[in-house]
Every structure is written in C-alpha cells, then in structure tokens.
Amino acid sequence: MSGIPANIRRMAHDRNFKVTLRIGRSGLTDAMFDELDSQLASRKVVKVKMNKGLTEARDERKTIFEEIAQRVGAKLVDARGNVAIYWRS
C-alpha cells in the first residue's frame, strides 16, 4: 500500500466518507466495474462495500478487492471487513 499520499489516506479514513458502490448478489459484473471506473474518473477515491453473503473468507475478500483494483487501474488504499477504498491518481 505504498505510494498513496497522506491526504488520500486521511480522506479514505474519514468517518463521513460514504460507500458509493455496493457489490451485490450478482458479484463482480461488467456493470459494477463500469460504475467503479466511472466513479473513479469523477472523484478519484471511492468506497465500495461487498454484501456479506458473497464470501466469508478473509483471504478471499482481500483477493477479490485486489482483483477489482487491478481491473480498474486503481490502488487499494484500504480493505477492512467488507469495505474497500480505491484511489486512482
């Protein structure tokens, strides 16, 4: 997680920073990737929440979050539980 500016980290960890994209039952769809890509283009930092039923395994969630980051060309700022924060400069 290196190379992420302090101001981006502060913004990502702000309690008022809201989830703007949810990963639902349908999982990682092209529409979800398109929406994330669009949000990153307009706001640079996006908070994503994955529905609990999708996967219970911590390692699996981390892998999914990293795969999403790679696919949209963003950095994974943080991932805690079912929530991930992405940044694209």
C-alpha atoms as a PDB file:
ATOM      1  CA  MET A   1       0.000   0.000   0.000  1.00  0.00           C
ATOM      2  CA  SER A   2       2.858   2.334  -0.611  1.00  0.00           C
ATOM      3  CA  GLY A   3       2.732   5.338  -2.878  1.00  0.00           C
ATOM      4  CA  ILE A   4      -0.579   6.604  -1.522  1.00  0.00           C
ATOM      5  CA  PRO A   5      -0.451  10.258  -0.431  1.00  0.00           C
ATOM      6  CA  ALA A   6      -1.307  11.128   3.184  1.00  0.00           C
ATOM      7  CA  ASN A   7      -4.229  13.354   2.137  1.00  0.00           C
ATOM      8  CA  ILE A   8      -5.806  10.434   0.244  1.00  0.00           C
ATOM      9  CA  ARG A   9      -5.373   8.169   3.282  1.00  0.00           C
ATOM     10  CA  ARG A  10      -6.976  10.817   5.526  1.00  0.00           C
ATOM     11  CA  MET A  11      -9.912  11.197   3.159  1.00  0.00           C
ATOM     12  CA  ALA A  12     -10.340   7.419   2.930  1.00  0.00           C
ATOM     13  CA  HIS A  13     -10.444   7.013   6.704  1.00  0.00           C
ATOM     14  CA  ASP A  14     -12.770   9.945   7.368  1.00  0.00           C
ATOM     15  CA  ARG A  15     -15.913   8.740   9.172  1.00  0.00           C
ATOM     16  CA  ASN A  16     -18.054  10.908   6.878  1.00  0.00           C
ATOM     17  CA  PHE A  17     -16.711   9.265   3.721  1.00  0.00           C
ATOM     18  CA  LYS A  18     -19.672   7.225   2.469  1.00  0.00           C
ATOM     19  CA  VAL A  19     -19.953   3.998   0.497  1.00  0.00           C
ATOM     20  CA  THR A  20     -20.910   4.888  -3.082  1.00  0.00           C
ATOM     21  CA  LEU A  21     -20.862   1.416  -4.657  1.00  0.00           C
ATOM     22  CA  ARG A  22     -22.147  -1.927  -3.410  1.00  0.00           C
ATOM     23  CA  ILE A  23     -21.235  -5.352  -4.702  1.00  0.00           C
ATOM     24  CA  GLY A  24     -24.460  -7.329  -4.508  1.00  0.00           C
ATOM     25  CA  ARG A  25     -25.568 -10.897  -5.081  1.00  0.00           C
ATOM     26  CA  SER A  26     -24.623 -10.786  -8.743  1.00  0.00           C
ATOM     27  CA  GLY A  27     -20.987 -10.254  -7.698  1.00  0.00           C
ATOM     28  CA  LEU A  28     -18.321  -8.812  -9.968  1.00  0.00           C
ATOM     29  CA  THR A  29     -20.276  -7.868 -13.065  1.00  0.00           C
ATOM     30  CA  ASP A  30     -19.160  -5.748 -16.001  1.00  0.00           C
ATOM     31  CA  ALA A  31     -21.726  -3.156 -14.914  1.00  0.00           C
ATOM     32  CA  MET A  32     -20.125  -2.983 -11.456  1.00  0.00           C
ATOM     33  CA  PHE A  33     -16.658  -2.499 -12.974  1.00  0.00           C
ATOM     34  CA  ASP A  34     -18.008   0.164 -15.351  1.00  0.00           C
ATOM     35  CA  GLU A  35     -19.654   2.023 -12.473  1.00  0.00           C
ATOM     36  CA  LEU A  36     -16.495   1.909 -10.349  1.00  0.00           C
ATOM     37  CA  ASP A  37     -14.416   3.091 -13.297  1.00  0.00           C
ATOM     38  CA  SER A  38     -16.845   5.967 -13.862  1.00  0.00           C
ATOM     39  CA  GLN A  39     -16.834   6.972 -10.182  1.00  0.00           C
ATOM     40  CA  LEU A  40     -13.027   6.865 -10.011  1.00  0.00           C
ATOM     41  CA  ALA A  41     -12.858   9.104 -13.081  1.00  0.00           C
ATOM     42  CA  SER A  42     -15.020  11.743 -11.431  1.00  0.00           C
ATOM     43  CA  ARG A  43     -13.960  11.595  -7.786  1.00  0.00           C
ATOM     44  CA  LYS A  44     -10.600   9.732  -7.527  1.00  0.00           C
ATOM     45  CA  VAL A  45     -11.455   8.000  -4.216  1.00  0.00           C
ATOM     46  CA  VAL A  46     -14.324   5.518  -3.974  1.00  0.00           C
ATOM     47  CA  LYS A  47     -15.576   3.402  -1.087  1.00  0.00           C
ATOM     48  CA  VAL A  48     -17.018   0.011  -2.036  1.00  0.00           C
ATOM     49  CA  LYS A  49     -18.952  -2.391   0.169  1.00  0.00           C
ATOM     50  CA  MET A  50     -19.344  -6.069  -0.591  1.00  0.00           C
ATOM     51  CA  ASN A  51     -22.512  -7.826   0.601  1.00  0.00           C
ATOM     52  CA  LYS A  52     -21.780 -10.180   3.491  1.00  0.00           C
ATOM     53  CA  GLY A  53     -23.054 -13.342   1.789  1.00  0.00           C
ATOM     54  CA  LEU A  54     -20.627 -13.066  -1.122  1.00  0.00           C
ATOM     55  CA  THR A  55     -17.706 -14.584   0.761  1.00  0.00           C
ATOM     56  CA  GLU A  56     -16.900 -15.179   4.397  1.00  0.00           C
ATOM     57  CA  ALA A  57     -13.214 -15.976   3.918  1.00  0.00           C
ATOM     58  CA  ARG A  58     -10.956 -13.023   4.745  1.00  0.00           C
ATOM     59  CA  ASP A  59      -8.244 -14.078   2.261  1.00  0.00           C
ATOM     60  CA  GLU A  60     -10.821 -14.495  -0.478  1.00  0.00           C
ATOM     61  CA  ARG A  61     -12.219 -10.983   0.149  1.00  0.00           C
ATOM     62  CA  LYS A  62      -8.724  -9.499   0.018  1.00  0.00           C
ATOM     63  CA  THR A  63      -8.071 -11.319  -3.278  1.00  0.00           C
ATOM     64  CA  ILE A  64     -11.360 -10.052  -4.741  1.00  0.00           C
ATOM     65  CA  PHE A  65     -10.603  -6.466  -3.656  1.00  0.00           C
ATOM     66  CA  GLU A  66      -7.114  -6.648  -5.208  1.00  0.00           C
ATOM     67  CA  GLU A  67      -8.534  -8.119  -8.424  1.00  0.00           C
ATOM     68  CA  ILE A  68     -11.005  -5.219  -8.645  1.00  0.00           C
ATOM     69  CA  ALA A  69      -8.187  -2.684  -8.172  1.00  0.00           C
ATOM     70  CA  GLN A  70      -6.133  -4.296 -10.917  1.00  0.00           C
ATOM     71  CA  ARG A  71      -9.043  -4.422 -13.356  1.00  0.00           C
ATOM     72  CA  VAL A  72      -9.961  -0.724 -12.979  1.00  0.00           C
ATOM     73  CA  GLY A  73      -6.367   0.513 -12.754  1.00  0.00           C
ATOM     74  CA  ALA A  74      -6.694   1.789  -9.187  1.00  0.00           C
ATOM     75  CA  LYS A  75      -4.833   1.340  -5.922  1.00  0.00           C
ATOM     76  CA  LEU A  76      -6.425  -0.388  -2.976  1.00  0.00           C
ATOM     77  CA  VAL A  77      -5.998   2.220  -0.221  1.00  0.00           C
ATOM     78  CA  ASP A  78      -7.516   0.061   2.497  1.00  0.00           C
ATOM     79  CA  ALA A  79      -9.680  -3.017   2.973  1.00  0.00           C
ATOM     80  CA  ARG A  80     -11.397  -3.765   6.258  1.00  0.00           C
ATOM     81  CA  GLY A  81     -14.080  -6.387   6.570  1.00  0.00           C
ATOM     82  CA  ASN A  82     -16.481  -6.000   3.664  1.00  0.00           C
ATOM     83  CA  VAL A  83     -15.346  -2.486   2.755  1.00  0.00           C
ATOM     84  CA  ALA A  84     -12.592  -1.437   0.362  1.00  0.00           C
ATOM     85  CA  ILE A  85     -11.381   2.008  -0.606  1.00  0.00           C
ATOM     86  CA  TYR A  86      -9.919   2.633  -4.057  1.00  0.00           C
ATOM     87  CA  TRP A  87      -7.894   5.547  -5.370  1.00  0.00           C
ATOM     88  CA  ARG A  88      -6.825   6.438  -8.856  1.00  0.00           C
ATOM     89  CA  SER A  89      -4.496   9.372  -9.463  1.00  0.00           C
END
